[in-house]
Protein backbone atom coordinates (compact mmCIF):
# COMPACT_ATOMS: atom_id res chain seq x y z
CA MET A 1 -59.33 -31.21 -72.49
CA ARG A 2 -62.91 -29.96 -72.27
CA LEU A 3 -63.58 -26.68 -70.51
CA CYS A 4 -66.58 -26.92 -68.22
CA THR A 5 -67.78 -23.39 -67.53
CA PHE A 6 -70.09 -21.07 -69.42
CA GLY A 7 -68.60 -19.87 -72.63
CA ALA A 8 -65.84 -22.41 -73.22
CA GLY A 9 -65.86 -21.42 -76.86
CA LEU A 10 -65.67 -17.78 -75.91
CA LEU A 11 -62.62 -18.43 -73.78
CA ALA A 12 -60.87 -19.80 -76.84
CA LEU A 13 -61.98 -16.76 -78.81
CA ALA A 14 -60.78 -14.43 -76.08
CA VAL A 15 -57.28 -15.84 -76.19
CA ALA A 16 -57.20 -16.09 -79.98
CA GLY A 17 -55.04 -13.02 -80.15
CA CYS A 18 -52.12 -15.04 -78.77
CA SER A 19 -49.55 -16.27 -81.26
CA SER A 20 -49.78 -19.89 -80.18
CA ASP A 21 -50.40 -22.42 -82.95
CA ASN A 22 -52.27 -24.44 -80.32
CA THR A 23 -54.71 -21.58 -79.78
CA ALA A 24 -55.34 -21.25 -83.51
CA ALA A 25 -55.93 -25.00 -83.74
CA ARG A 26 -58.35 -24.87 -80.79
CA VAL A 27 -60.31 -22.00 -82.33
CA ALA A 28 -60.48 -23.89 -85.63
CA GLU A 29 -61.69 -27.01 -83.83
CA LEU A 30 -64.47 -25.03 -82.11
CA ASN A 31 -65.59 -23.59 -85.45
CA LYS A 32 -65.56 -26.55 -87.84
CA LYS A 33 -69.28 -26.39 -88.64
CA ASN A 34 -71.55 -23.50 -89.44
CA ILE A 35 -73.74 -24.26 -86.42
CA GLN A 36 -70.68 -23.89 -84.16
CA LYS A 37 -69.68 -20.62 -85.80
CA THR A 38 -73.20 -19.27 -85.43
CA ALA A 39 -73.43 -20.36 -81.78
CA ASN A 40 -70.04 -18.78 -81.03
CA LEU A 41 -71.10 -15.53 -82.67
CA TYR A 42 -74.32 -15.65 -80.64
CA ALA A 43 -72.37 -16.15 -77.40
CA THR A 44 -70.01 -13.31 -78.30
CA TYR A 45 -73.03 -11.08 -78.88
CA GLN A 46 -74.27 -12.05 -75.41
CA MET A 47 -70.95 -11.07 -73.85
CA HIS A 48 -71.10 -7.62 -75.46
CA ASN A 49 -74.79 -6.98 -74.76
CA GLY A 50 -75.48 -7.56 -71.09
CA MET A 51 -75.45 -11.37 -71.46
CA VAL A 52 -78.57 -11.24 -73.67
CA GLY A 53 -78.51 -12.76 -77.15
CA PRO A 54 -79.58 -11.13 -80.40
CA LYS A 55 -83.30 -10.83 -81.12
CA ASP A 56 -82.89 -12.28 -84.62
CA LEU A 57 -80.46 -13.20 -87.36
CA ALA A 58 -80.36 -9.66 -88.78
CA ASN A 59 -79.34 -8.36 -85.35
CA LEU A 60 -76.51 -10.91 -85.15
CA LYS A 61 -75.30 -10.16 -88.69
CA GLU A 62 -75.22 -6.43 -87.92
CA PHE A 63 -73.17 -7.11 -84.78
CA VAL A 64 -70.61 -9.22 -86.65
CA SER A 65 -70.38 -6.79 -89.56
CA SER A 66 -69.84 -3.85 -87.20
CA GLY A 67 -66.57 -5.30 -85.91
CA ILE A 68 -67.52 -4.45 -82.33
CA GLY A 69 -67.33 -7.94 -80.85
CA LEU A 70 -64.65 -9.66 -82.88
CA SER A 71 -61.44 -8.41 -84.40
CA PRO A 72 -60.66 -9.26 -88.03
CA HIS A 73 -57.96 -11.64 -86.77
CA ARG A 74 -60.42 -13.59 -84.61
CA LEU A 75 -62.94 -13.78 -87.43
CA GLU A 76 -60.16 -15.08 -89.68
CA LEU A 77 -59.29 -17.79 -87.15
CA MET A 78 -62.97 -18.77 -87.10
CA GLN A 79 -62.91 -18.82 -90.93
CA ILE A 80 -65.58 -16.12 -91.10
CA ASP A 81 -65.56 -13.36 -93.69
CA PRO A 82 -67.59 -10.47 -92.22
CA LYS A 83 -68.38 -9.29 -95.76
CA ASN A 84 -69.86 -12.68 -96.69
CA LEU A 85 -71.80 -13.88 -93.65
CA ASP A 86 -74.87 -15.42 -95.23
CA HIS A 87 -73.38 -18.85 -95.92
CA ILE A 88 -72.37 -19.50 -92.30
CA PHE A 89 -75.95 -19.07 -91.09
CA ILE A 90 -77.06 -22.04 -93.22
CA SER A 91 -76.85 -25.69 -92.20
CA GLU A 92 -74.50 -27.82 -94.26
CA ARG A 93 -76.87 -30.74 -93.64
CA ASP A 94 -80.32 -29.49 -94.67
CA HIS A 95 -79.17 -26.33 -96.52
CA LYS A 96 -81.70 -24.16 -94.67
CA PRO A 97 -81.07 -21.11 -92.49
CA PHE A 98 -80.62 -21.75 -88.80
CA ARG A 99 -83.25 -20.67 -86.31
CA LEU A 100 -81.89 -18.51 -83.50
CA LYS A 101 -83.46 -18.59 -80.08
CA PRO A 102 -84.23 -14.87 -79.64
CA SER A 103 -82.72 -12.85 -76.81
CA VAL A 104 -81.52 -15.76 -74.66
CA GLN A 105 -80.19 -14.66 -71.30
CA ALA A 106 -76.85 -16.36 -70.60
CA VAL A 107 -76.71 -18.15 -67.27
CA PRO A 108 -73.32 -18.79 -65.61
CA ARG A 109 -72.31 -22.44 -65.30
CA THR A 110 -74.95 -23.64 -67.73
CA ILE A 111 -74.73 -24.42 -71.40
CA VAL A 112 -77.63 -22.91 -73.27
CA ALA A 113 -79.19 -23.94 -76.60
CA VAL A 114 -79.12 -20.96 -78.95
CA VAL A 115 -78.96 -22.19 -82.58
CA PHE A 116 -81.37 -24.69 -84.12
CA GLU A 117 -81.24 -26.56 -87.39
CA ASP A 118 -84.53 -26.15 -89.26
CA THR A 119 -85.19 -29.59 -90.78
CA GLY A 120 -82.11 -31.73 -90.17
CA ILE A 121 -81.70 -35.15 -91.73
CA ASP A 122 -83.09 -38.59 -91.03
CA GLY A 123 -85.45 -37.32 -88.33
CA LYS A 124 -82.66 -35.70 -86.31
CA ARG A 125 -81.82 -32.03 -86.00
CA GLN A 126 -78.73 -30.38 -84.62
CA VAL A 127 -78.83 -27.83 -81.83
CA GLY A 128 -75.87 -25.53 -81.12
CA PHE A 129 -75.02 -24.41 -77.62
CA ASP A 130 -73.18 -21.35 -76.34
CA ASN A 131 -70.07 -23.41 -75.55
CA SER A 132 -69.42 -24.55 -79.15
CA SER A 133 -70.97 -27.97 -78.59
CA ILE A 134 -73.58 -29.52 -80.84
CA GLN A 135 -76.17 -32.14 -80.10
CA GLU A 136 -78.22 -34.10 -82.57
CA VAL A 137 -81.70 -34.46 -81.08
CA ASP A 138 -85.07 -36.00 -81.87
CA ASP A 139 -88.24 -33.94 -82.34
CA ALA A 140 -89.28 -34.10 -78.68
CA LYS A 141 -85.95 -32.82 -77.35
CA TYR A 142 -85.77 -30.18 -80.10
CA LYS A 143 -89.22 -28.90 -79.15
CA GLU A 144 -88.31 -28.88 -75.45
CA LEU A 145 -85.14 -26.86 -76.11
CA TRP A 146 -86.85 -24.43 -78.50
CA GLU A 147 -90.02 -23.77 -76.49
CA SER A 148 -88.56 -23.50 -73.01
CA LYS A 149 -88.80 -20.00 -71.56
CA GLU A 150 -86.45 -20.39 -68.60
CA PRO A 151 -82.69 -20.62 -69.23
CA SER A 152 -82.24 -23.20 -66.48
CA ALA A 153 -84.98 -25.39 -67.96
CA LYS A 154 -83.50 -25.45 -71.44
CA SER A 155 -79.91 -25.62 -70.33
CA ILE A 156 -77.75 -28.68 -69.96
CA PRO A 157 -75.96 -28.95 -66.64
CA VAL A 158 -72.22 -28.57 -67.04
CA SER A 159 -71.60 -32.17 -65.93
CA GLU A 160 -73.67 -33.49 -68.87
CA ALA A 161 -71.96 -31.23 -71.38
CA GLU A 162 -68.58 -32.62 -70.35
CA LYS A 163 -69.69 -35.97 -71.77
CA GLY A 164 -69.49 -34.54 -75.27
CA GLY A 165 -71.38 -32.27 -77.55
CA GLY A 166 -71.78 -33.94 -80.86
């Protein structure tokens, strides 16, 4: 089942406090890759800061380390150690730090690109969205997503995101 509203990943995080094994499995599934973890942390930051994302990676790290947005239990379910954050902000594919789209305004019923792989592999780079999905894109699409100034212009309509995220 794929959730089709803004923050599908955040919904799973919000219910992570439940004792259901299914919930734990769902949270784990939404956080298999570092780009997903980073995008979910970005989206959580948005939820706690007027729906505006962090201005940079240091801002996001400070938020996670503070414990304001995520309980230790939720971080554990996401397989994130708040005392050792650096490794999750690095792509497993190109081994370079992710680029964060600074201060993205969340838009209801859209899925917004927020985390960008620096180099990628074989001419393709991954982009992480605020619903835990990932897309592997070519240079033209990457540039379009990165440079766009309007959330609606760089967002993927919900109907497209339901087709799969990577």
